[in-house]
Amino acid sequence: KREFDEIIHNAPYLKNRYYVIYNKERSPKFPRFGLAVGKK
């Protein structure tokens, strides 16, 4: 949760009608993903 919140509050983002994608630089050699789907 702390990592999730840090990315959402401090990272740049892209958005359209269907998605909001936050992305943050880091060092390891593979991308990591978090999915958030609200109760709405």
ModelCIF file with pLDDT and N, C-alpha, C, O atoms, coordinates in Angstrom:
data_MODEL
#
_entry.id   MODEL 
#
_entity.id                         1 
_entity.type                       polymer 
_entity.pdbx_number_of_molecules   1 
#
_entity_poly.entity_id                      1 
_entity_poly.type                           'polypeptide(L)' 
_entity_poly.nstd_linkage                   no 
_entity_poly.nstd_monomer                   no 
_entity_poly.pdbx_seq_one_letter_code       KREFDEIIHNAPYLKNRYYVIYNKERSPKFPRFGLAVGKK 
_entity_poly.pdbx_seq_one_letter_code_can   KREFDEIIHNAPYLKNRYYVIYNKERSPKFPRFGLAVGKK 
_entity_poly.pdbx_strand_id                 A 
#
loop_
_entity_poly_seq.entity_id 
_entity_poly_seq.num 
_entity_poly_seq.mon_id 
_entity_poly_seq.hetero 
1 1  LYS n 
1 2  ARG n 
1 3  GLU n 
1 4  PHE n 
1 5  ASP n 
1 6  GLU n 
1 7  ILE n 
1 8  ILE n 
1 9  HIS n 
1 10 ASN n 
1 11 ALA n 
1 12 PRO n 
1 13 TYR n 
1 14 LEU n 
1 15 LYS n 
1 16 ASN n 
1 17 ARG n 
1 18 TYR n 
1 19 TYR n 
1 20 VAL n 
1 21 ILE n 
1 22 TYR n 
1 23 ASN n 
1 24 LYS n 
1 25 GLU n 
1 26 ARG n 
1 27 SER n 
1 28 PRO n 
1 29 LYS n 
1 30 PHE n 
1 31 PRO n 
1 32 ARG n 
1 33 PHE n 
1 34 GLY n 
1 35 LEU n 
1 36 ALA n 
1 37 VAL n 
1 38 GLY n 
1 39 LYS n 
1 40 LYS n 
#
_struct_asym.id          A 
_struct_asym.entity_id   1 
#
loop_
_ma_qa_metric.id 
_ma_qa_metric.mode 
_ma_qa_metric.name 
_ma_qa_metric.software_group_id 
_ma_qa_metric.type 
1 global pLDDT . pLDDT 
2 local  pLDDT . pLDDT 
#
_ma_qa_metric_global.metric_id      1 
_ma_qa_metric_global.metric_value   91.45 
_ma_qa_metric_global.model_id       1 
_ma_qa_metric_global.ordinal_id     1 
#
loop_
_ma_qa_metric_local.label_asym_id 
_ma_qa_metric_local.label_comp_id 
_ma_qa_metric_local.label_seq_id 
_ma_qa_metric_local.metric_id 
_ma_qa_metric_local.metric_value 
_ma_qa_metric_local.model_id 
_ma_qa_metric_local.ordinal_id 
A LYS 1  2 92.00 1 1  
A ARG 2  2 93.00 1 2  
A GLU 3  2 91.00 1 3  
A PHE 4  2 91.00 1 4  
A ASP 5  2 93.00 1 5  
A GLU 6  2 93.00 1 6  
A ILE 7  2 93.00 1 7  
A ILE 8  2 93.00 1 8  
A HIS 9  2 94.00 1 9  
A ASN 10 2 92.00 1 10 
A ALA 11 2 92.00 1 11 
A PRO 12 2 94.00 1 12 
A TYR 13 2 93.00 1 13 
A LEU 14 2 93.00 1 14 
A LYS 15 2 92.00 1 15 
A ASN 16 2 92.00 1 16 
A ARG 17 2 93.00 1 17 
A TYR 18 2 93.00 1 18 
A TYR 19 2 93.00 1 19 
A VAL 20 2 94.00 1 20 
A ILE 21 2 94.00 1 21 
A TYR 22 2 95.00 1 22 
A ASN 23 2 92.00 1 23 
A LYS 24 2 92.00 1 24 
A GLU 25 2 91.00 1 25 
A ARG 26 2 86.00 1 26 
A SER 27 2 80.00 1 27 
A PRO 28 2 75.00 1 28 
A LYS 29 2 83.00 1 29 
A PHE 30 2 87.00 1 30 
A PRO 31 2 90.00 1 31 
A ARG 32 2 91.00 1 32 
A PHE 33 2 93.00 1 33 
A GLY 34 2 94.00 1 34 
A LEU 35 2 94.00 1 35 
A ALA 36 2 94.00 1 36 
A VAL 37 2 95.00 1 37 
A GLY 38 2 92.00 1 38 
A LYS 39 2 94.00 1 39 
A LYS 40 2 92.00 1 40 
#
loop_
_atom_site.group_PDB 
_atom_site.id 
_atom_site.type_symbol 
_atom_site.label_atom_id 
_atom_site.label_alt_id 
_atom_site.label_comp_id 
_atom_site.label_asym_id 
_atom_site.label_entity_id 
_atom_site.label_seq_id 
_atom_site.pdbx_PDB_ins_code 
_atom_site.Cartn_x 
_atom_site.Cartn_y 
_atom_site.Cartn_z 
_atom_site.occupancy 
_atom_site.B_iso_or_equiv 
_atom_site.pdbx_formal_charge 
_atom_site.auth_seq_id 
_atom_site.auth_comp_id 
_atom_site.auth_asym_id 
_atom_site.auth_atom_id 
_atom_site.pdbx_PDB_model_num 
ATOM 1   N N  . LYS A 1 1  ? 0.816   -1.212 0.000   1.00 92.00 ? 1  LYS A N  1 
ATOM 2   C CA . LYS A 1 1  ? 0.000   0.000  0.000   1.00 92.00 ? 1  LYS A CA 1 
ATOM 3   C C  . LYS A 1 1  ? 0.854   1.269  0.000   1.00 92.00 ? 1  LYS A C  1 
ATOM 4   O O  . LYS A 1 1  ? 0.546   2.227  -0.710  1.00 92.00 ? 1  LYS A O  1 
ATOM 5   N N  . ARG A 1 2  ? 1.927   1.277  0.795   1.00 93.00 ? 2  ARG A N  1 
ATOM 6   C CA . ARG A 1 2  ? 2.788   2.473  0.844   1.00 93.00 ? 2  ARG A CA 1 
ATOM 7   C C  . ARG A 1 2  ? 3.427   2.745  -0.513  1.00 93.00 ? 2  ARG A C  1 
ATOM 8   O O  . ARG A 1 2  ? 3.497   3.892  -0.953  1.00 93.00 ? 2  ARG A O  1 
ATOM 9   N N  . GLU A 1 3  ? 3.884   1.705  -1.160  1.00 91.00 ? 3  GLU A N  1 
ATOM 10  C CA . GLU A 1 3  ? 4.496   1.850  -2.479  1.00 91.00 ? 3  GLU A CA 1 
ATOM 11  C C  . GLU A 1 3  ? 3.463   2.309  -3.511  1.00 91.00 ? 3  GLU A C  1 
ATOM 12  O O  . GLU A 1 3  ? 3.737   3.177  -4.338  1.00 91.00 ? 3  GLU A O  1 
ATOM 13  N N  . PHE A 1 4  ? 2.287   1.718  -3.446  1.00 91.00 ? 4  PHE A N  1 
ATOM 14  C CA . PHE A 1 4  ? 1.171   2.074  -4.322  1.00 91.00 ? 4  PHE A CA 1 
ATOM 15  C C  . PHE A 1 4  ? 0.849   3.567  -4.172  1.00 91.00 ? 4  PHE A C  1 
ATOM 16  O O  . PHE A 1 4  ? 0.769   4.296  -5.161  1.00 91.00 ? 4  PHE A O  1 
ATOM 17  N N  . ASP A 1 5  ? 0.666   4.009  -2.924  1.00 93.00 ? 5  ASP A N  1 
ATOM 18  C CA . ASP A 1 5  ? 0.326   5.407  -2.649  1.00 93.00 ? 5  ASP A CA 1 
ATOM 19  C C  . ASP A 1 5  ? 1.436   6.364  -3.077  1.00 93.00 ? 5  ASP A C  1 
ATOM 20  O O  . ASP A 1 5  ? 1.156   7.441  -3.603  1.00 93.00 ? 5  ASP A O  1 
ATOM 21  N N  . GLU A 1 6  ? 2.692   5.978  -2.855  1.00 93.00 ? 6  GLU A N  1 
ATOM 22  C CA . GLU A 1 6  ? 3.810   6.839  -3.245  1.00 93.00 ? 6  GLU A CA 1 
ATOM 23  C C  . GLU A 1 6  ? 3.823   7.068  -4.755  1.00 93.00 ? 6  GLU A C  1 
ATOM 24  O O  . GLU A 1 6  ? 4.049   8.188  -5.213  1.00 93.00 ? 6  GLU A O  1 
ATOM 25  N N  . ILE A 1 7  ? 3.584   6.022  -5.519  1.00 93.00 ? 7  ILE A N  1 
ATOM 26  C CA . ILE A 1 7  ? 3.562   6.151  -6.978  1.00 93.00 ? 7  ILE A CA 1 
ATOM 27  C C  . ILE A 1 7  ? 2.409   7.047  -7.409  1.00 93.00 ? 7  ILE A C  1 
ATOM 28  O O  . ILE A 1 7  ? 2.588   7.920  -8.259  1.00 93.00 ? 7  ILE A O  1 
ATOM 29  N N  . ILE A 1 8  ? 1.231   6.841  -6.832  1.00 93.00 ? 8  ILE A N  1 
ATOM 30  C CA . ILE A 1 8  ? 0.061   7.628  -7.225  1.00 93.00 ? 8  ILE A CA 1 
ATOM 31  C C  . ILE A 1 8  ? 0.232   9.104  -6.884  1.00 93.00 ? 8  ILE A C  1 
ATOM 32  O O  . ILE A 1 8  ? -0.180  9.968  -7.658  1.00 93.00 ? 8  ILE A O  1 
ATOM 33  N N  . HIS A 1 9  ? 0.832   9.403  -5.741  1.00 94.00 ? 9  HIS A N  1 
ATOM 34  C CA . HIS A 1 9  ? 0.939   10.799 -5.315  1.00 94.00 ? 9  HIS A CA 1 
ATOM 35  C C  . HIS A 1 9  ? 2.135   11.546 -5.914  1.00 94.00 ? 9  HIS A C  1 
ATOM 36  O O  . HIS A 1 9  ? 2.128   12.776 -5.954  1.00 94.00 ? 9  HIS A O  1 
ATOM 37  N N  . ASN A 1 10 ? 3.158   10.828 -6.378  1.00 92.00 ? 10 ASN A N  1 
ATOM 38  C CA . ASN A 1 10 ? 4.382   11.508 -6.814  1.00 92.00 ? 10 ASN A CA 1 
ATOM 39  C C  . ASN A 1 10 ? 4.780   11.278 -8.270  1.00 92.00 ? 10 ASN A C  1 
ATOM 40  O O  . ASN A 1 10 ? 5.714   11.919 -8.752  1.00 92.00 ? 10 ASN A O  1 
ATOM 41  N N  . ALA A 1 11 ? 4.108   10.396 -8.972  1.00 92.00 ? 11 ALA A N  1 
ATOM 42  C CA . ALA A 1 11 ? 4.551   10.033 -10.317 1.00 92.00 ? 11 ALA A CA 1 
ATOM 43  C C  . ALA A 1 11 ? 3.742   10.745 -11.392 1.00 92.00 ? 11 ALA A C  1 
ATOM 44  O O  . ALA A 1 11 ? 2.593   11.119 -11.160 1.00 92.00 ? 11 ALA A O  1 
ATOM 45  N N  . PRO A 1 12 ? 4.334   10.934 -12.564 1.00 94.00 ? 12 PRO A N  1 
ATOM 46  C CA . PRO A 1 12 ? 3.565   11.479 -13.693 1.00 94.00 ? 12 PRO A CA 1 
ATOM 47  C C  . PRO A 1 12 ? 2.548   10.453 -14.175 1.00 94.00 ? 12 PRO A C  1 
ATOM 48  O O  . PRO A 1 12 ? 2.673   9.262  -13.891 1.00 94.00 ? 12 PRO A O  1 
ATOM 49  N N  . TYR A 1 13 ? 1.541   10.925 -14.907 1.00 93.00 ? 13 TYR A N  1 
ATOM 50  C CA . TYR A 1 13 ? 0.496   10.014 -15.346 1.00 93.00 ? 13 TYR A CA 1 
ATOM 51  C C  . TYR A 1 13 ? -0.002  10.355 -16.733 1.00 93.00 ? 13 TYR A C  1 
ATOM 52  O O  . TYR A 1 13 ? 0.190   11.462 -17.237 1.00 93.00 ? 13 TYR A O  1 
ATOM 53  N N  . LEU A 1 14 ? -0.657  9.359  -17.339 1.00 93.00 ? 14 LEU A N  1 
ATOM 54  C CA . LEU A 1 14 ? -1.359  9.505  -18.616 1.00 93.00 ? 14 LEU A CA 1 
ATOM 55  C C  . LEU A 1 14 ? -2.799  9.099  -18.347 1.00 93.00 ? 14 LEU A C  1 
ATOM 56  O O  . LEU A 1 14 ? -3.052  8.209  -17.535 1.00 93.00 ? 14 LEU A O  1 
ATOM 57  N N  . LYS A 1 15 ? -3.745  9.743  -19.021 1.00 92.00 ? 15 LYS A N  1 
ATOM 58  C CA . LYS A 1 15 ? -5.123  9.322  -18.809 1.00 92.00 ? 15 LYS A CA 1 
ATOM 59  C C  . LYS A 1 15 ? -5.965  9.531  -20.051 1.00 92.00 ? 15 LYS A C  1 
ATOM 60  O O  . LYS A 1 15 ? -5.669  10.372 -20.900 1.00 92.00 ? 15 LYS A O  1 
ATOM 61  N N  . ASN A 1 16 ? -7.028  8.737  -20.130 1.00 92.00 ? 16 ASN A N  1 
ATOM 62  C CA . ASN A 1 16 ? -8.059  8.902  -21.141 1.00 92.00 ? 16 ASN A CA 1 
ATOM 63  C C  . ASN A 1 16 ? -9.394  8.531  -20.496 1.00 92.00 ? 16 ASN A C  1 
ATOM 64  O O  . ASN A 1 16 ? -9.494  8.526  -19.269 1.00 92.00 ? 16 ASN A O  1 
ATOM 65  N N  . ARG A 1 17 ? -10.406 8.225  -21.279 1.00 93.00 ? 17 ARG A N  1 
ATOM 66  C CA . ARG A 1 17 ? -11.741 7.938  -20.724 1.00 93.00 ? 17 ARG A CA 1 
ATOM 67  C C  . ARG A 1 17 ? -11.795 6.614  -19.978 1.00 93.00 ? 17 ARG A C  1 
ATOM 68  O O  . ARG A 1 17 ? -12.723 6.387  -19.202 1.00 93.00 ? 17 ARG A O  1 
ATOM 69  N N  . TYR A 1 18 ? -10.828 5.739  -20.195 1.00 93.00 ? 18 TYR A N  1 
ATOM 70  C CA . TYR A 1 18 ? -10.901 4.387  -19.665 1.00 93.00 ? 18 TYR A CA 1 
ATOM 71  C C  . TYR A 1 18 ? -9.843  4.062  -18.622 1.00 93.00 ? 18 TYR A C  1 
ATOM 72  O O  . TYR A 1 18 ? -10.069 3.213  -17.759 1.00 93.00 ? 18 TYR A O  1 
ATOM 73  N N  . TYR A 1 19 ? -8.697  4.720  -18.686 1.00 93.00 ? 19 TYR A N  1 
ATOM 74  C CA . TYR A 1 19 ? -7.575  4.402  -17.808 1.00 93.00 ? 19 TYR A CA 1 
ATOM 75  C C  . TYR A 1 19 ? -6.917  5.672  -17.267 1.00 93.00 ? 19 TYR A C  1 
ATOM 76  O O  . TYR A 1 19 ? -7.007  6.747  -17.860 1.00 93.00 ? 19 TYR A O  1 
ATOM 77  N N  . VAL A 1 20 ? -6.252  5.508  -16.124 1.00 94.00 ? 20 VAL A N  1 
ATOM 78  C CA . VAL A 1 20 ? -5.256  6.461  -15.652 1.00 94.00 ? 20 VAL A CA 1 
ATOM 79  C C  . VAL A 1 20 ? -4.031  5.598  -15.364 1.00 94.00 ? 20 VAL A C  1 
ATOM 80  O O  . VAL A 1 20 ? -4.113  4.640  -14.596 1.00 94.00 ? 20 VAL A O  1 
ATOM 81  N N  . ILE A 1 21 ? -2.903  5.932  -15.975 1.00 94.00 ? 21 ILE A N  1 
ATOM 82  C CA . ILE A 1 21 ? -1.687  5.137  -15.806 1.00 94.00 ? 21 ILE A CA 1 
ATOM 83  C C  . ILE A 1 21 ? -0.596  6.014  -15.208 1.00 94.00 ? 21 ILE A C  1 
ATOM 84  O O  . ILE A 1 21 ? -0.141  6.973  -15.830 1.00 94.00 ? 21 ILE A O  1 
ATOM 85  N N  . TYR A 1 22 ? -0.184  5.671  -13.993 1.00 95.00 ? 22 TYR A N  1 
ATOM 86  C CA . TYR A 1 22 ? 0.931   6.340  -13.329 1.00 95.00 ? 22 TYR A CA 1 
ATOM 87  C C  . TYR A 1 22 ? 2.173   5.513  -13.602 1.00 95.00 ? 22 TYR A C  1 
ATOM 88  O O  . TYR A 1 22 ? 2.116   4.283  -13.612 1.00 95.00 ? 22 TYR A O  1 
ATOM 89  N N  . ASN A 1 23 ? 3.313   6.195  -13.827 1.00 92.00 ? 23 ASN A N  1 
ATOM 90  C CA . ASN A 1 23 ? 4.553   5.446  -14.024 1.00 92.00 ? 23 ASN A CA 1 
ATOM 91  C C  . ASN A 1 23 ? 5.695   6.118  -13.292 1.00 92.00 ? 23 ASN A C  1 
ATOM 92  O O  . ASN A 1 23 ? 5.811   7.344  -13.282 1.00 92.00 ? 23 ASN A O  1 
ATOM 93  N N  . LYS A 1 24 ? 6.536   5.302  -12.678 1.00 92.00 ? 24 LYS A N  1 
ATOM 94  C CA . LYS A 1 24 ? 7.649   5.809  -11.880 1.00 92.00 ? 24 LYS A CA 1 
ATOM 95  C C  . LYS A 1 24 ? 8.908   5.033  -12.227 1.00 92.00 ? 24 LYS A C  1 
ATOM 96  O O  . LYS A 1 24 ? 8.887   3.808  -12.344 1.00 92.00 ? 24 LYS A O  1 
ATOM 97  N N  . GLU A 1 25 ? 10.001  5.760  -12.389 1.00 91.00 ? 25 GLU A N  1 
ATOM 98  C CA . GLU A 1 25 ? 11.290  5.136  -12.695 1.00 91.00 ? 25 GLU A CA 1 
ATOM 99  C C  . GLU A 1 25 ? 11.789  4.326  -11.507 1.00 91.00 ? 25 GLU A C  1 
ATOM 100 O O  . GLU A 1 25 ? 11.562  4.685  -10.351 1.00 91.00 ? 25 GLU A O  1 
ATOM 101 N N  . ARG A 1 26 ? 12.477  3.222  -11.815 1.00 86.00 ? 26 ARG A N  1 
ATOM 102 C CA . ARG A 1 26 ? 13.155  2.423  -10.798 1.00 86.00 ? 26 ARG A CA 1 
ATOM 103 C C  . ARG A 1 26 ? 14.249  1.614  -11.455 1.00 86.00 ? 26 ARG A C  1 
ATOM 104 O O  . ARG A 1 26 ? 14.378  1.645  -12.679 1.00 86.00 ? 26 ARG A O  1 
ATOM 105 N N  . SER A 1 27 ? 15.047  0.884  -10.678 1.00 80.00 ? 27 SER A N  1 
ATOM 106 C CA . SER A 1 27 ? 16.245  0.268  -11.239 1.00 80.00 ? 27 SER A CA 1 
ATOM 107 C C  . SER A 1 27 ? 16.128  -1.179 -11.733 1.00 80.00 ? 27 SER A C  1 
ATOM 108 O O  . SER A 1 27 ? 16.817  -1.492 -12.703 1.00 80.00 ? 27 SER A O  1 
ATOM 109 N N  . PRO A 1 28 ? 15.336  -2.083 -11.173 1.00 75.00 ? 28 PRO A N  1 
ATOM 110 C CA . PRO A 1 28 ? 15.357  -3.473 -11.664 1.00 75.00 ? 28 PRO A CA 1 
ATOM 111 C C  . PRO A 1 28 ? 15.052  -3.627 -13.154 1.00 75.00 ? 28 PRO A C  1 
ATOM 112 O O  . PRO A 1 28 ? 14.661  -2.671 -13.823 1.00 75.00 ? 28 PRO A O  1 
ATOM 113 N N  . LYS A 1 29 ? 15.237  -4.833 -13.653 1.00 83.00 ? 29 LYS A N  1 
ATOM 114 C CA . LYS A 1 29 ? 15.211  -5.074 -15.090 1.00 83.00 ? 29 LYS A CA 1 
ATOM 115 C C  . LYS A 1 29 ? 13.868  -5.545 -15.643 1.00 83.00 ? 29 LYS A C  1 
ATOM 116 O O  . LYS A 1 29 ? 13.814  -6.083 -16.749 1.00 83.00 ? 29 LYS A O  1 
ATOM 117 N N  . PHE A 1 30 ? 12.809  -5.357 -14.909 1.00 87.00 ? 30 PHE A N  1 
ATOM 118 C CA . PHE A 1 30 ? 11.494  -5.758 -15.403 1.00 87.00 ? 30 PHE A CA 1 
ATOM 119 C C  . PHE A 1 30 ? 10.458  -4.766 -14.885 1.00 87.00 ? 30 PHE A C  1 
ATOM 120 O O  . PHE A 1 30 ? 10.616  -4.214 -13.796 1.00 87.00 ? 30 PHE A O  1 
ATOM 121 N N  . PRO A 1 31 ? 9.400   -4.538 -15.660 1.00 90.00 ? 31 PRO A N  1 
ATOM 122 C CA . PRO A 1 31 ? 8.354   -3.619 -15.186 1.00 90.00 ? 31 PRO A CA 1 
ATOM 123 C C  . PRO A 1 31 ? 7.494   -4.298 -14.118 1.00 90.00 ? 31 PRO A C  1 
ATOM 124 O O  . PRO A 1 31 ? 7.347   -5.520 -14.111 1.00 90.00 ? 31 PRO A O  1 
ATOM 125 N N  . ARG A 1 32 ? 6.928   -3.488 -13.214 1.00 91.00 ? 32 ARG A N  1 
ATOM 126 C CA . ARG A 1 32 ? 5.993   -4.005 -12.222 1.00 91.00 ? 32 ARG A CA 1 
ATOM 127 C C  . ARG A 1 32 ? 4.669   -3.266 -12.399 1.00 91.00 ? 32 ARG A C  1 
ATOM 128 O O  . ARG A 1 32 ? 4.638   -2.125 -12.858 1.00 91.00 ? 32 ARG A O  1 
ATOM 129 N N  . PHE A 1 33 ? 3.583   -3.931 -12.029 1.00 93.00 ? 33 PHE A N  1 
ATOM 130 C CA . PHE A 1 33 ? 2.256   -3.390 -12.274 1.00 93.00 ? 33 PHE A CA 1 
ATOM 131 C C  . PHE A 1 33 ? 1.390   -3.470 -11.032 1.00 93.00 ? 33 PHE A C  1 
ATOM 132 O O  . PHE A 1 33 ? 1.492   -4.403 -10.235 1.00 93.00 ? 33 PHE A O  1 
ATOM 133 N N  . GLY A 1 34 ? 0.532   -2.465 -10.885 1.00 94.00 ? 34 GLY A N  1 
ATOM 134 C CA . GLY A 1 34 ? -0.502  -2.479 -9.868  1.00 94.00 ? 34 GLY A CA 1 
ATOM 135 C C  . GLY A 1 34 ? -1.812  -2.133 -10.557 1.00 94.00 ? 34 GLY A C  1 
ATOM 136 O O  . GLY A 1 34 ? -1.856  -1.234 -11.397 1.00 94.00 ? 34 GLY A O  1 
ATOM 137 N N  . LEU A 1 35 ? -2.862  -2.834 -10.212 1.00 94.00 ? 35 LEU A N  1 
ATOM 138 C CA . LEU A 1 35 ? -4.174  -2.573 -10.807 1.00 94.00 ? 35 LEU A CA 1 
ATOM 139 C C  . LEU A 1 35 ? -5.108  -2.069 -9.724  1.00 94.00 ? 35 LEU A C  1 
ATOM 140 O O  . LEU A 1 35 ? -5.137  -2.606 -8.616  1.00 94.00 ? 35 LEU A O  1 
ATOM 141 N N  . ALA A 1 36 ? -5.873  -1.035 -10.049 1.00 94.00 ? 36 ALA A N  1 
ATOM 142 C CA . ALA A 1 36 ? -6.857  -0.497 -9.107  1.00 94.00 ? 36 ALA A CA 1 
ATOM 143 C C  . ALA A 1 36 ? -8.198  -0.403 -9.826  1.00 94.00 ? 36 ALA A C  1 
ATOM 144 O O  . ALA A 1 36 ? -8.324  0.223  -10.878 1.00 94.00 ? 36 ALA A O  1 
ATOM 145 N N  . VAL A 1 37 ? -9.195  -1.048 -9.221  1.00 95.00 ? 37 VAL A N  1 
ATOM 146 C CA . VAL A 1 37 ? -10.551 -1.028 -9.771  1.00 95.00 ? 37 VAL A CA 1 
ATOM 147 C C  . VAL A 1 37 ? -11.466 -0.620 -8.631  1.00 95.00 ? 37 VAL A C  1 
ATOM 148 O O  . VAL A 1 37 ? -11.606 -1.348 -7.649  1.00 95.00 ? 37 VAL A O  1 
ATOM 149 N N  . GLY A 1 38 ? -12.094 0.552  -8.762  1.00 92.00 ? 38 GLY A N  1 
ATOM 150 C CA . GLY A 1 38 ? -12.946 1.066  -7.699  1.00 92.00 ? 38 GLY A CA 1 
ATOM 151 C C  . GLY A 1 38 ? -14.296 0.379  -7.625  1.00 92.00 ? 38 GLY A C  1 
ATOM 152 O O  . GLY A 1 38 ? -14.703 -0.328 -8.547  1.00 92.00 ? 38 GLY A O  1 
ATOM 153 N N  . LYS A 1 39 ? -14.979 0.596  -6.521  1.00 94.00 ? 39 LYS A N  1 
ATOM 154 C CA . LYS A 1 39 ? -16.289 -0.024 -6.310  1.00 94.00 ? 39 LYS A CA 1 
ATOM 155 C C  . LYS A 1 39 ? -17.359 0.533  -7.241  1.00 94.00 ? 39 LYS A C  1 
ATOM 156 O O  . LYS A 1 39 ? -18.417 -0.079 -7.395  1.00 94.00 ? 39 LYS A O  1 
ATOM 157 N N  . LYS A 1 40 ? -17.106 1.673  -7.858  1.00 92.00 ? 40 LYS A N  1 
ATOM 158 C CA . LYS A 1 40 ? -18.064 2.236  -8.815  1.00 92.00 ? 40 LYS A CA 1 
ATOM 159 C C  . LYS A 1 40 ? -18.208 1.350  -10.050 1.00 92.00 ? 40 LYS A C  1 
ATOM 160 O O  . LYS A 1 40 ? -18.975 1.674  -10.957 1.00 92.00 ? 40 LYS A O  1 
#
